[in-house]
């Protein structure tokens, strides 16, 4: 039974809006630094902070600089970072073998960060596109992205990252059956504690362009990813993908992109109640930054409002390039 709502003038909703203390007291949704995962791009070198033109304020970092970023995250109370490699072109091959090399860029970064900032959880990306000469998330055979052979490669990649010390495995490939295969392999290898945050509802979106620049995949990609990433017009399919991945052993699930898919976030959380995340992807970040740099919006205010929208839609957290900036604001810095 719905409560009876008084009518005006007995009810004046503006009473609770008239001062910051009152607004804070009745706010339904809040954002804290605990809600943030910071995506970081790593590259070879030493002392390197290489600007990414299409993502103002974001850099590719050499491992030593990534370690410094992790230490910063720890100090700001950001609970997790997510590593993405900018792979040397010479290491991109048809068989993607560098993806599971124990000494590849990401695995070396994991070990270095773990040694310097042990309280920060490290999330990794599991997909073949940074290592694939074709730029795809899976193997390409006669122009087709093949599923089962790709899953076998992704499992090897998962185990190498777990061996290096990754806390959270983030499969972003959208191959069928990969969560079950990864979970079984982790269990057999003694990595029962390793968490899987599945990119369970990842759409074939136009918002990913700057990210592909950041990891050096734009020029390599042949064709598109519509045969394995989801159609932007589908919502019920997203729920089926979430249910499947949870059933195969995912601990947490993600909707990607985020802001244009808040309806999906809300349906996922209300349907399953599982830990639900969204990725505020590169295109979303770049649009806010471009508008802010042109003076068309208050960039800081829009940034914080966008993060609030993720939480309001039901997300438990968000992967965002704004993580350190937002955390400093939230911490009163």
Protein backbone atom coordinates (compact mmCIF):
# COMPACT_ATOMS: atom_id res chain seq x y z
CA UNK A 1 0.00 0.00 0.00
CA UNK A 2 1.40 3.37 -1.01
CA UNK A 3 1.71 5.99 1.74
CA UNK A 4 -0.62 8.95 1.57
CA UNK A 5 1.14 12.05 0.22
CA UNK A 6 0.01 15.33 1.69
CA UNK A 7 -1.03 18.03 -0.74
CA UNK A 8 0.22 21.60 -0.98
CA UNK A 9 0.74 23.58 1.22
CA UNK A 10 1.12 20.86 3.86
CA UNK A 11 3.60 19.22 1.50
CA UNK A 12 6.35 21.51 0.28
CA UNK A 13 9.10 19.31 -1.24
CA UNK A 14 11.34 22.37 -1.47
CA UNK A 15 11.71 22.32 2.32
CA UNK A 16 14.20 19.47 1.93
CA UNK A 17 16.08 21.26 -0.85
CA UNK A 18 16.66 24.63 0.78
CA UNK A 19 20.09 23.95 2.32
CA UNK A 20 23.06 21.67 1.61
CA UNK A 21 22.71 19.93 4.99
CA UNK A 22 19.12 18.97 4.25
CA UNK A 23 19.90 17.87 0.70
CA UNK A 24 22.76 15.71 1.95
CA UNK A 25 20.56 14.22 4.65
CA UNK A 26 17.93 12.87 2.25
CA UNK A 27 20.07 12.08 -0.79
CA UNK A 28 19.12 8.64 -2.11
CA UNK A 29 22.29 7.90 -4.09
CA UNK A 30 25.90 8.70 -3.26
CA UNK A 31 29.25 8.20 -4.99
CA UNK A 32 32.44 7.42 -3.07
CA UNK A 33 35.98 6.57 -4.11
CA UNK A 34 35.13 2.94 -3.26
CA UNK A 35 32.90 2.89 -6.35
CA UNK A 36 35.72 3.51 -8.81
CA UNK A 37 37.98 1.32 -10.95
CA UNK A 38 40.73 3.23 -12.77
CA UNK A 39 41.66 1.96 -16.28
CA UNK A 40 45.38 2.46 -17.00
CA UNK A 41 47.23 2.00 -20.30
CA UNK A 42 50.74 0.56 -20.01
CA UNK A 43 53.56 0.57 -22.54
CA UNK A 44 57.23 -0.31 -22.72
CA UNK A 45 59.91 2.14 -21.67
CA UNK A 46 61.03 3.93 -18.57
CA UNK A 47 59.74 7.23 -17.25
CA UNK A 48 57.18 7.46 -20.07
CA UNK A 49 53.91 9.38 -19.83
CA UNK A 50 52.69 9.51 -23.42
CA UNK A 51 49.58 11.65 -24.05
CA UNK A 52 46.67 10.07 -25.93
CA UNK A 53 45.39 12.76 -28.29
CA UNK A 54 41.80 11.52 -28.43
CA UNK A 55 41.59 11.19 -24.63
CA UNK A 56 42.78 14.50 -23.13
CA UNK A 57 44.39 14.01 -19.74
CA UNK A 58 44.96 10.26 -20.23
CA UNK A 59 48.42 8.83 -20.91
CA UNK A 60 50.13 5.59 -21.81
CA UNK A 61 52.42 4.83 -18.89
CA UNK A 62 55.61 2.84 -18.66
CA UNK A 63 55.58 0.27 -15.86
CA UNK A 64 57.37 2.54 -13.39
CA UNK A 65 54.80 5.27 -14.00
CA UNK A 66 51.97 2.72 -13.72
CA UNK A 67 53.39 1.77 -10.33
CA UNK A 68 53.25 5.44 -9.32
CA UNK A 69 49.63 5.60 -10.50
CA UNK A 70 48.77 2.53 -8.41
CA UNK A 71 50.38 4.13 -5.36
CA UNK A 72 48.29 7.24 -6.04
CA UNK A 73 45.16 5.09 -6.33
CA UNK A 74 45.94 3.46 -3.00
CA UNK A 75 46.36 6.87 -1.34
CA UNK A 76 43.07 8.12 -2.83
CA UNK A 77 41.11 5.08 -1.68
CA UNK A 78 40.46 3.80 -5.20
CA UNK A 79 40.07 0.06 -4.66
CA UNK A 80 41.11 -1.24 -8.09
CA UNK A 81 42.95 -0.41 -11.29
CA UNK A 82 42.53 -2.12 -14.65
CA UNK A 83 45.50 -2.65 -16.96
CA UNK A 84 45.42 -2.41 -20.75
CA UNK A 85 48.56 -2.92 -22.86
CA UNK A 86 49.88 -0.85 -25.73
CA UNK A 87 51.61 -3.74 -27.44
CA UNK A 88 54.64 -3.36 -29.66
CA UNK A 89 53.60 -3.93 -33.28
CA UNK A 90 56.34 -6.56 -33.66
CA UNK A 91 54.63 -8.70 -31.00
CA UNK A 92 51.25 -8.77 -32.76
CA UNK A 93 50.84 -12.10 -34.55
CA UNK A 94 48.23 -14.45 -35.96
CA UNK A 95 48.62 -16.83 -33.00
CA UNK A 96 48.65 -14.01 -30.38
CA UNK A 97 51.24 -15.93 -28.33
CA UNK A 98 52.43 -12.87 -26.42
CA UNK A 99 49.00 -12.75 -24.75
CA UNK A 100 49.96 -15.56 -22.38
CA UNK A 101 53.69 -14.98 -22.09
CA UNK A 102 54.61 -14.84 -18.37
CA UNK A 103 56.85 -11.87 -19.11
CA UNK A 104 54.60 -9.84 -21.35
CA UNK A 105 53.98 -6.19 -20.59
CA UNK A 106 50.85 -6.67 -18.51
CA UNK A 107 52.20 -9.53 -16.42
CA UNK A 108 55.37 -7.61 -15.60
CA UNK A 109 53.23 -4.62 -14.65
CA UNK A 110 51.09 -6.78 -12.36
CA UNK A 111 54.10 -8.02 -10.44
CA UNK A 112 55.61 -4.55 -10.12
CA UNK A 113 52.37 -2.98 -8.93
CA UNK A 114 51.67 -5.78 -6.47
CA UNK A 115 55.06 -5.22 -4.88
CA UNK A 116 54.55 -1.46 -4.53
CA UNK A 117 50.81 -1.07 -3.82
CA UNK A 118 49.55 -4.37 -2.39
CA UNK A 119 46.24 -2.95 -1.20
CA UNK A 120 45.08 -2.05 -4.70
CA UNK A 121 43.26 -4.83 -6.54
CA UNK A 122 44.54 -5.39 -10.07
CA UNK A 123 42.05 -6.11 -12.82
CA UNK A 124 43.20 -7.30 -16.21
CA UNK A 125 41.70 -7.40 -19.67
CA UNK A 126 41.24 -10.80 -21.33
CA UNK A 127 40.87 -10.46 -25.10
CA UNK A 128 43.24 -11.08 -27.98
CA UNK A 129 42.92 -7.73 -29.75
CA UNK A 130 46.08 -6.10 -28.25
CA UNK A 131 48.11 -9.08 -29.49
CA UNK A 132 46.25 -9.92 -32.71
CA UNK A 133 47.66 -8.74 -36.04
CA UNK A 134 44.01 -8.59 -37.19
CA UNK A 135 42.88 -6.40 -34.29
CA UNK A 136 40.09 -8.77 -33.25
CA UNK A 137 39.26 -10.18 -29.80
CA UNK A 138 39.47 -13.74 -31.13
CA UNK A 139 41.30 -15.71 -33.78
CA UNK A 140 40.47 -14.94 -37.40
CA UNK A 141 40.28 -17.90 -39.79
CA UNK A 142 39.26 -17.31 -43.42
CA UNK A 143 37.69 -14.00 -42.41
CA UNK A 144 35.66 -15.52 -39.55
CA UNK A 145 36.26 -14.95 -35.84
CA UNK A 146 36.32 -18.53 -34.57
CA UNK A 147 34.97 -19.20 -31.10
CA UNK A 148 36.32 -22.38 -29.54
CA UNK A 149 39.96 -21.98 -30.52
CA UNK A 150 39.79 -18.40 -29.26
CA UNK A 151 38.45 -19.60 -25.91
CA UNK A 152 41.42 -21.97 -25.55
CA UNK A 153 43.79 -19.04 -26.10
CA UNK A 154 41.87 -16.84 -23.67
CA UNK A 155 42.12 -19.51 -20.98
CA UNK A 156 45.91 -19.55 -21.37
CA UNK A 157 45.93 -15.76 -21.10
CA UNK A 158 43.77 -15.94 -17.96
CA UNK A 159 46.08 -18.40 -16.23
CA UNK A 160 49.18 -16.35 -17.05
CA UNK A 161 47.58 -13.27 -15.51
CA UNK A 162 46.47 -15.18 -12.43
CA UNK A 163 49.96 -16.61 -12.02
CA UNK A 164 51.34 -13.05 -12.17
CA UNK A 165 49.07 -12.00 -9.31
CA UNK A 166 45.94 -10.52 -10.90
CA UNK A 167 43.02 -10.21 -8.49
CA UNK A 168 40.23 -9.68 -11.03
CA UNK A 169 40.05 -11.22 -14.49
CA UNK A 170 38.07 -9.12 -16.96
CA UNK A 171 37.05 -11.12 -20.05
CA UNK A 172 36.04 -8.53 -22.65
CA UNK A 173 36.08 -10.78 -25.72
CA UNK A 174 32.42 -11.90 -25.87
CA UNK A 175 33.25 -15.40 -27.07
CA UNK A 176 30.65 -18.03 -26.12
CA UNK A 177 31.52 -20.32 -23.22
CA UNK A 178 34.63 -18.49 -22.12
CA UNK A 179 33.55 -17.79 -18.52
CA UNK A 180 32.97 -21.46 -17.75
CA UNK A 181 36.25 -22.44 -19.36
CA UNK A 182 38.17 -19.78 -17.43
CA UNK A 183 36.53 -20.61 -14.12
CA UNK A 184 37.26 -24.33 -14.51
CA UNK A 185 40.87 -23.64 -15.46
CA UNK A 186 41.37 -21.28 -12.51
CA UNK A 187 39.95 -23.86 -10.11
CA UNK A 188 42.18 -26.63 -11.46
CA UNK A 189 45.25 -24.39 -11.25
CA UNK A 190 44.66 -23.50 -7.61
CA UNK A 191 43.45 -19.97 -8.29
CA UNK A 192 40.12 -20.39 -6.54
CA UNK A 193 40.42 -16.90 -5.05
CA UNK A 194 40.71 -15.08 -8.40
CA UNK A 195 37.59 -13.09 -9.24
CA UNK A 196 35.95 -12.84 -12.66
CA UNK A 197 34.31 -9.56 -13.63
CA UNK A 198 32.75 -10.48 -16.94
CA UNK A 199 32.06 -8.00 -19.71
CA UNK A 200 28.81 -9.89 -20.02
CA UNK A 201 26.78 -7.32 -21.97
CA UNK A 202 29.31 -5.67 -24.26
CA UNK A 203 27.79 -3.89 -27.21
CA UNK A 204 29.19 -3.35 -30.72
CA UNK A 205 29.38 0.35 -30.02
CA UNK A 206 30.69 3.40 -31.85
CA UNK A 207 31.92 4.79 -28.50
CA UNK A 208 35.17 2.76 -28.46
CA UNK A 209 37.21 4.73 -30.99
CA UNK A 210 39.58 6.57 -28.62
CA UNK A 211 40.28 3.36 -26.68
CA UNK A 212 41.41 1.63 -29.86
CA UNK A 213 43.77 4.54 -30.44
CA UNK A 214 45.06 4.15 -26.89
CA UNK A 215 45.95 0.47 -27.30
CA UNK A 216 47.10 0.80 -30.91
CA UNK A 217 44.35 -1.39 -32.36
CA UNK A 218 42.63 1.10 -34.67
CA UNK A 219 44.84 0.54 -37.69
CA UNK A 220 45.03 -3.21 -37.18
CA UNK A 221 41.28 -3.89 -37.03
CA UNK A 222 39.94 -5.53 -40.17
CA UNK A 223 36.18 -5.26 -40.45
CA UNK A 224 34.05 -4.81 -37.34
CA UNK A 225 33.13 -6.75 -34.19
CA UNK A 226 29.41 -7.18 -34.81
CA UNK A 227 29.56 -10.98 -35.05
CA UNK A 228 30.53 -11.30 -31.38
CA UNK A 229 29.67 -8.04 -29.62
CA UNK A 230 25.99 -7.33 -28.99
CA UNK A 231 23.58 -5.40 -31.19
CA UNK A 232 22.84 -1.98 -29.59
CA UNK A 233 19.11 -2.53 -30.18
CA UNK A 234 18.87 -5.54 -27.86
CA UNK A 235 17.96 -5.54 -24.16
CA UNK A 236 16.51 -8.99 -23.47
CA UNK A 237 19.65 -10.52 -24.96
CA UNK A 238 21.72 -8.63 -22.39
CA UNK A 239 19.82 -10.36 -19.61
CA UNK A 240 20.42 -13.74 -21.21
CA UNK A 241 24.14 -13.00 -21.45
CA UNK A 242 24.27 -11.92 -17.80
CA UNK A 243 22.39 -15.03 -16.67
CA UNK A 244 24.70 -17.25 -18.71
CA UNK A 245 27.90 -15.74 -17.36
CA UNK A 246 26.72 -15.83 -13.75
CA UNK A 247 25.76 -19.46 -14.27
CA UNK A 248 29.22 -20.25 -15.63
CA UNK A 249 31.02 -18.76 -12.64
CA UNK A 250 31.32 -14.98 -13.06
CA UNK A 251 31.44 -13.22 -9.70
CA UNK A 252 30.55 -9.79 -11.09
CA UNK A 253 29.15 -8.55 -14.39
CA UNK A 254 29.62 -5.46 -16.53
CA UNK A 255 27.61 -3.47 -19.03
CA UNK A 256 29.70 -1.70 -21.68
CA UNK A 257 29.39 1.11 -22.76
CA UNK A 258 27.85 2.72 -19.73
CA UNK A 259 26.08 6.04 -20.09
CA UNK A 260 24.15 5.20 -23.27
CA UNK A 261 23.09 1.88 -21.69
CA UNK A 262 21.87 2.88 -18.23
CA UNK A 263 18.57 1.13 -18.95
CA UNK A 264 20.52 -2.12 -19.31
CA UNK A 265 22.36 -1.49 -16.03
CA UNK A 266 19.05 -0.96 -14.25
CA UNK A 267 17.49 -4.13 -15.69
CA UNK A 268 20.54 -6.22 -14.86
CA UNK A 269 20.71 -5.08 -11.25
CA UNK A 270 16.99 -5.37 -10.60
CA UNK A 271 16.77 -8.81 -12.25
CA UNK A 272 19.81 -10.54 -10.78
CA UNK A 273 20.97 -8.50 -7.80
CA UNK A 274 24.56 -9.49 -8.61
CA UNK A 275 27.47 -7.05 -8.34
CA UNK A 276 26.98 -4.90 -11.44
CA UNK A 277 29.47 -2.53 -13.03
CA UNK A 278 29.52 -0.24 -16.04
CA UNK A 279 32.41 1.07 -18.09
CA UNK A 280 32.38 4.80 -18.81
CA UNK A 281 34.16 4.18 -22.07
CA UNK A 282 36.66 6.27 -23.98
CA UNK A 283 34.11 7.91 -26.26
CA UNK A 284 31.98 9.01 -23.32
CA UNK A 285 35.05 10.43 -21.60
CA UNK A 286 36.27 12.16 -24.76
CA UNK A 287 32.90 13.84 -25.39
CA UNK A 288 32.79 15.31 -21.88
CA UNK A 289 36.39 16.49 -22.17
CA UNK A 290 35.90 18.03 -25.61
CA UNK A 291 32.81 19.94 -24.52
CA UNK A 292 34.52 21.08 -21.34
CA UNK A 293 37.62 22.27 -23.18
CA UNK A 294 35.41 24.31 -25.51
CA UNK A 295 33.67 25.92 -22.55
CA UNK A 296 30.30 24.44 -23.47
CA UNK A 297 29.80 22.60 -20.18
CA UNK A 298 31.19 22.60 -16.66
CA UNK A 299 33.36 19.51 -17.10
CA UNK A 300 33.86 18.78 -13.41
CA UNK A 301 30.16 19.05 -12.63
CA UNK A 302 29.18 16.88 -15.60
CA UNK A 303 31.82 14.32 -14.61
CA UNK A 304 30.37 13.97 -11.12
CA UNK A 305 26.79 13.94 -12.41
CA UNK A 306 27.66 11.18 -14.87
CA UNK A 307 29.13 9.04 -12.08
CA UNK A 308 26.01 9.62 -9.99
CA UNK A 309 23.91 8.41 -12.93
CA UNK A 310 25.72 5.06 -12.93
CA UNK A 311 25.09 4.57 -9.22
CA UNK A 312 21.47 5.70 -9.55
CA UNK A 313 20.88 3.13 -12.29
CA UNK A 314 21.91 0.36 -9.88
CA UNK A 315 25.61 -0.03 -10.59
CA UNK A 316 27.82 -1.01 -7.69
CA UNK A 317 30.77 0.71 -9.35
CA UNK A 318 32.15 2.12 -12.56
CA UNK A 319 35.32 1.85 -14.58
CA UNK A 320 36.22 5.42 -15.40
CA UNK A 321 39.22 7.40 -16.59
CA UNK A 322 38.01 10.07 -14.19
CA UNK A 323 38.75 7.88 -11.15
CA UNK A 324 41.67 9.88 -9.68
CA UNK A 325 40.10 13.27 -10.40
CA UNK A 326 36.76 12.21 -8.97
CA UNK A 327 38.38 10.60 -5.92
CA UNK A 328 40.25 13.80 -5.10
CA UNK A 329 36.96 15.74 -5.21
CA UNK A 330 35.13 13.13 -3.16
CA UNK A 331 37.91 13.12 -0.59
CA UNK A 332 37.75 16.88 -0.30
CA UNK A 333 41.04 17.45 -2.12
